[in-house]
Amino acid sequence: MTKYEMLYILDSALTDEAKEAIIKKFEDLVTGNGGVVEKTDRWGVKKLCYPINYKSEGYYVLMNFEAEKSLVVEIKRVAGITDGIIRRLITKI
């Protein structure tokens, strides 16, 4: 398995419960498909460099995990259709 990190930005207007639900959704997606979540860092609300969808702040989350390449493709797909995610970036470590 290969190590990856996923940095994603959630809409800062979401409730704390909704933010935690999305974070848990991605952790469960990794572990449910044979991957391992090493750690999840919640960076909190930060100002964006430029407005995205008329929003100037976002809630940053960094997740380090190990998975197969096919799982990374699935994570990208799910992140693209999940409401509340402004941006996401997955990189190989």
N, C-alpha and C. Protein backbone atom coordinates (compact mmCIF):
# COMPACT_ATOMS: atom_id res chain seq x y z
N MET A 1 0.84 -1.18 0.00
CA MET A 1 0.00 0.00 0.00
C MET A 1 0.89 1.26 0.00
N THR A 2 0.36 2.31 -0.55
CA THR A 2 1.07 3.56 -0.67
C THR A 2 0.53 4.58 0.32
N LYS A 3 1.41 5.46 0.80
CA LYS A 3 0.98 6.51 1.74
C LYS A 3 0.54 7.73 0.97
N TYR A 4 -0.58 8.31 1.42
CA TYR A 4 -1.14 9.50 0.81
C TYR A 4 -1.53 10.49 1.91
N GLU A 5 -1.70 11.74 1.50
CA GLU A 5 -2.33 12.71 2.38
C GLU A 5 -3.39 13.44 1.59
N MET A 6 -4.49 13.71 2.26
CA MET A 6 -5.61 14.40 1.64
C MET A 6 -5.89 15.65 2.45
N LEU A 7 -5.76 16.80 1.79
CA LEU A 7 -6.12 18.06 2.40
C LEU A 7 -7.43 18.50 1.78
N TYR A 8 -8.44 18.70 2.59
CA TYR A 8 -9.70 19.16 2.05
C TYR A 8 -10.25 20.30 2.90
N ILE A 9 -11.03 21.16 2.22
CA ILE A 9 -11.58 22.34 2.84
C ILE A 9 -13.10 22.20 2.88
N LEU A 10 -13.64 22.30 4.08
CA LEU A 10 -15.08 22.23 4.27
C LEU A 10 -15.65 23.64 4.37
N ASP A 11 -16.92 23.76 4.05
CA ASP A 11 -17.61 25.03 4.18
C ASP A 11 -17.64 25.41 5.66
N SER A 12 -17.17 26.60 6.01
CA SER A 12 -17.10 27.00 7.41
C SER A 12 -18.48 27.26 8.01
N ALA A 13 -19.50 27.38 7.16
CA ALA A 13 -20.86 27.62 7.66
C ALA A 13 -21.54 26.34 8.16
N LEU A 14 -20.94 25.18 7.92
CA LEU A 14 -21.52 23.92 8.39
C LEU A 14 -21.48 23.86 9.91
N THR A 15 -22.42 23.14 10.48
CA THR A 15 -22.41 22.94 11.93
C THR A 15 -21.26 21.99 12.29
N ASP A 16 -20.89 21.99 13.57
CA ASP A 16 -19.81 21.11 14.02
C ASP A 16 -20.16 19.65 13.78
N GLU A 17 -21.44 19.29 13.97
CA GLU A 17 -21.86 17.91 13.76
C GLU A 17 -21.72 17.52 12.29
N ALA A 18 -22.06 18.43 11.39
CA ALA A 18 -21.95 18.15 9.95
C ALA A 18 -20.49 18.00 9.54
N LYS A 19 -19.61 18.84 10.10
CA LYS A 19 -18.18 18.73 9.80
C LYS A 19 -17.63 17.39 10.27
N GLU A 20 -17.98 17.01 11.49
CA GLU A 20 -17.51 15.73 12.03
C GLU A 20 -18.06 14.56 11.23
N ALA A 21 -19.29 14.67 10.74
CA ALA A 21 -19.89 13.60 9.94
C ALA A 21 -19.13 13.42 8.63
N ILE A 22 -18.72 14.51 8.00
CA ILE A 22 -17.97 14.41 6.74
C ILE A 22 -16.59 13.83 7.00
N ILE A 23 -15.93 14.26 8.07
CA ILE A 23 -14.60 13.73 8.41
C ILE A 23 -14.70 12.24 8.68
N LYS A 24 -15.71 11.82 9.44
CA LYS A 24 -15.89 10.40 9.74
C LYS A 24 -16.22 9.62 8.46
N LYS A 25 -16.95 10.22 7.56
CA LYS A 25 -17.31 9.57 6.29
C LYS A 25 -16.05 9.19 5.51
N PHE A 26 -15.08 10.09 5.44
CA PHE A 26 -13.86 9.79 4.70
C PHE A 26 -12.95 8.82 5.44
N GLU A 27 -12.91 8.91 6.77
CA GLU A 27 -12.14 7.93 7.54
C GLU A 27 -12.73 6.54 7.37
N ASP A 28 -14.06 6.43 7.41
CA ASP A 28 -14.72 5.14 7.23
C ASP A 28 -14.56 4.61 5.81
N LEU A 29 -14.52 5.51 4.83
CA LEU A 29 -14.32 5.10 3.45
C LEU A 29 -12.95 4.45 3.28
N VAL A 30 -11.94 5.01 3.92
CA VAL A 30 -10.59 4.45 3.82
C VAL A 30 -10.52 3.11 4.55
N THR A 31 -10.97 3.07 5.79
CA THR A 31 -10.85 1.84 6.58
C THR A 31 -11.77 0.74 6.06
N GLY A 32 -12.92 1.11 5.52
CA GLY A 32 -13.85 0.12 5.00
C GLY A 32 -13.39 -0.55 3.72
N ASN A 33 -12.43 0.05 3.03
CA ASN A 33 -11.92 -0.52 1.78
C ASN A 33 -10.49 -1.02 1.91
N GLY A 34 -10.08 -1.36 3.12
CA GLY A 34 -8.79 -1.99 3.33
C GLY A 34 -7.63 -1.04 3.55
N GLY A 35 -7.90 0.25 3.68
CA GLY A 35 -6.84 1.23 3.94
C GLY A 35 -6.67 1.46 5.44
N VAL A 36 -5.66 2.27 5.77
CA VAL A 36 -5.38 2.58 7.16
C VAL A 36 -5.25 4.10 7.29
N VAL A 37 -6.04 4.68 8.20
CA VAL A 37 -5.93 6.11 8.49
C VAL A 37 -4.88 6.28 9.58
N GLU A 38 -3.79 6.97 9.26
CA GLU A 38 -2.73 7.18 10.25
C GLU A 38 -3.09 8.29 11.23
N LYS A 39 -3.55 9.43 10.69
CA LYS A 39 -4.00 10.51 11.57
C LYS A 39 -4.84 11.49 10.78
N THR A 40 -5.67 12.22 11.51
CA THR A 40 -6.50 13.26 10.94
C THR A 40 -6.31 14.52 11.76
N ASP A 41 -5.78 15.55 11.12
CA ASP A 41 -5.56 16.84 11.78
C ASP A 41 -6.65 17.81 11.36
N ARG A 42 -7.30 18.38 12.34
CA ARG A 42 -8.31 19.41 12.08
C ARG A 42 -7.64 20.76 12.31
N TRP A 43 -7.38 21.48 11.22
CA TRP A 43 -6.68 22.76 11.33
C TRP A 43 -7.61 23.89 11.73
N GLY A 44 -8.89 23.72 11.54
CA GLY A 44 -9.85 24.74 11.92
C GLY A 44 -10.15 25.72 10.79
N VAL A 45 -10.82 26.80 11.14
CA VAL A 45 -11.24 27.79 10.15
C VAL A 45 -10.08 28.72 9.83
N LYS A 46 -9.81 28.86 8.54
CA LYS A 46 -8.74 29.74 8.06
C LYS A 46 -9.28 30.55 6.88
N LYS A 47 -8.69 31.69 6.66
CA LYS A 47 -9.07 32.55 5.55
C LYS A 47 -8.52 31.95 4.26
N LEU A 48 -9.34 31.93 3.22
CA LEU A 48 -8.92 31.44 1.91
C LEU A 48 -8.11 32.53 1.20
N CYS A 49 -7.20 32.12 0.31
CA CYS A 49 -6.39 33.08 -0.44
C CYS A 49 -7.24 33.88 -1.41
N TYR A 50 -8.27 33.25 -1.93
CA TYR A 50 -9.19 33.91 -2.85
C TYR A 50 -10.57 33.31 -2.62
N PRO A 51 -11.63 34.05 -2.91
CA PRO A 51 -12.98 33.54 -2.67
C PRO A 51 -13.29 32.32 -3.55
N ILE A 52 -13.91 31.33 -2.96
CA ILE A 52 -14.37 30.14 -3.68
C ILE A 52 -15.86 30.04 -3.44
N ASN A 53 -16.64 30.07 -4.49
CA ASN A 53 -18.11 30.05 -4.38
C ASN A 53 -18.61 31.13 -3.43
N TYR A 54 -18.02 32.31 -3.52
CA TYR A 54 -18.39 33.48 -2.71
C TYR A 54 -18.11 33.29 -1.23
N LYS A 55 -17.24 32.37 -0.88
CA LYS A 55 -16.88 32.14 0.52
C LYS A 55 -15.43 32.57 0.72
N SER A 56 -15.16 33.21 1.85
CA SER A 56 -13.80 33.70 2.10
C SER A 56 -13.09 32.92 3.21
N GLU A 57 -13.80 31.99 3.88
CA GLU A 57 -13.20 31.17 4.93
C GLU A 57 -13.58 29.71 4.72
N GLY A 58 -12.71 28.83 5.19
CA GLY A 58 -12.98 27.41 5.10
C GLY A 58 -12.40 26.67 6.28
N TYR A 59 -12.91 25.48 6.54
CA TYR A 59 -12.46 24.61 7.64
C TYR A 59 -11.53 23.57 7.04
N TYR A 60 -10.24 23.64 7.37
CA TYR A 60 -9.22 22.78 6.77
C TYR A 60 -9.07 21.47 7.57
N VAL A 61 -8.94 20.36 6.83
CA VAL A 61 -8.72 19.05 7.45
C VAL A 61 -7.63 18.34 6.66
N LEU A 62 -6.63 17.78 7.35
CA LEU A 62 -5.56 17.00 6.72
C LEU A 62 -5.64 15.57 7.23
N MET A 63 -5.78 14.62 6.30
CA MET A 63 -5.87 13.20 6.66
C MET A 63 -4.72 12.45 6.01
N ASN A 64 -3.90 11.77 6.81
CA ASN A 64 -2.83 10.91 6.30
C ASN A 64 -3.32 9.47 6.35
N PHE A 65 -3.13 8.75 5.23
CA PHE A 65 -3.62 7.38 5.17
C PHE A 65 -2.79 6.54 4.21
N GLU A 66 -2.95 5.22 4.33
CA GLU A 66 -2.34 4.26 3.41
C GLU A 66 -3.46 3.55 2.68
N ALA A 67 -3.30 3.43 1.34
CA ALA A 67 -4.35 2.79 0.55
C ALA A 67 -3.81 2.39 -0.81
N GLU A 68 -4.61 1.62 -1.53
CA GLU A 68 -4.31 1.27 -2.92
C GLU A 68 -4.76 2.41 -3.83
N LYS A 69 -4.21 2.45 -5.03
CA LYS A 69 -4.54 3.52 -5.97
C LYS A 69 -6.02 3.53 -6.33
N SER A 70 -6.63 2.36 -6.43
CA SER A 70 -8.05 2.31 -6.79
C SER A 70 -8.92 2.99 -5.72
N LEU A 71 -8.51 2.93 -4.47
CA LEU A 71 -9.26 3.59 -3.40
C LEU A 71 -9.13 5.11 -3.50
N VAL A 72 -7.97 5.59 -3.92
CA VAL A 72 -7.77 7.03 -4.07
C VAL A 72 -8.71 7.58 -5.14
N VAL A 73 -8.89 6.84 -6.22
CA VAL A 73 -9.83 7.25 -7.27
C VAL A 73 -11.24 7.34 -6.71
N GLU A 74 -11.62 6.39 -5.87
CA GLU A 74 -12.95 6.39 -5.26
C GLU A 74 -13.11 7.57 -4.29
N ILE A 75 -12.06 7.88 -3.52
CA ILE A 75 -12.12 9.00 -2.59
C ILE A 75 -12.30 10.31 -3.36
N LYS A 76 -11.60 10.47 -4.47
CA LYS A 76 -11.75 11.67 -5.30
C LYS A 76 -13.18 11.79 -5.82
N ARG A 77 -13.75 10.68 -6.22
CA ARG A 77 -15.12 10.69 -6.74
C ARG A 77 -16.11 11.10 -5.66
N VAL A 78 -15.97 10.49 -4.49
CA VAL A 78 -16.88 10.78 -3.38
C VAL A 78 -16.72 12.24 -2.92
N ALA A 79 -15.48 12.73 -2.87
CA ALA A 79 -15.26 14.12 -2.46
C ALA A 79 -15.87 15.10 -3.46
N GLY A 80 -15.88 14.72 -4.71
CA GLY A 80 -16.45 15.59 -5.74
C GLY A 80 -17.96 15.74 -5.65
N ILE A 81 -18.63 14.73 -5.10
CA ILE A 81 -20.09 14.77 -5.03
C ILE A 81 -20.62 15.04 -3.63
N THR A 82 -19.73 15.24 -2.66
CA THR A 82 -20.14 15.49 -1.29
C THR A 82 -20.41 16.97 -1.08
N ASP A 83 -21.61 17.29 -0.64
CA ASP A 83 -21.94 18.68 -0.33
C ASP A 83 -21.14 19.13 0.89
N GLY A 84 -20.67 20.34 0.86
CA GLY A 84 -19.92 20.88 1.99
C GLY A 84 -18.43 20.92 1.76
N ILE A 85 -17.93 20.19 0.77
CA ILE A 85 -16.50 20.22 0.46
C ILE A 85 -16.27 21.28 -0.62
N ILE A 86 -15.41 22.24 -0.27
CA ILE A 86 -15.10 23.32 -1.22
C ILE A 86 -13.99 22.88 -2.16
N ARG A 87 -12.90 22.35 -1.61
CA ARG A 87 -11.76 21.88 -2.41
C ARG A 87 -11.16 20.65 -1.75
N ARG A 88 -10.42 19.86 -2.55
CA ARG A 88 -9.70 18.72 -2.00
C ARG A 88 -8.45 18.49 -2.84
N LEU A 89 -7.41 17.97 -2.21
CA LEU A 89 -6.16 17.65 -2.88
C LEU A 89 -5.59 16.40 -2.23
N ILE A 90 -5.32 15.39 -3.06
CA ILE A 90 -4.74 14.14 -2.56
C ILE A 90 -3.36 14.01 -3.19
N THR A 91 -2.32 13.84 -2.36
CA THR A 91 -0.96 13.69 -2.86
C THR A 91 -0.32 12.45 -2.27
N LYS A 92 0.58 11.88 -3.05
CA LYS A 92 1.33 10.70 -2.60
C LYS A 92 2.52 11.19 -1.79
N ILE A 93 2.75 10.57 -0.64
CA ILE A 93 3.88 10.96 0.22
C ILE A 93 5.11 10.19 -0.20
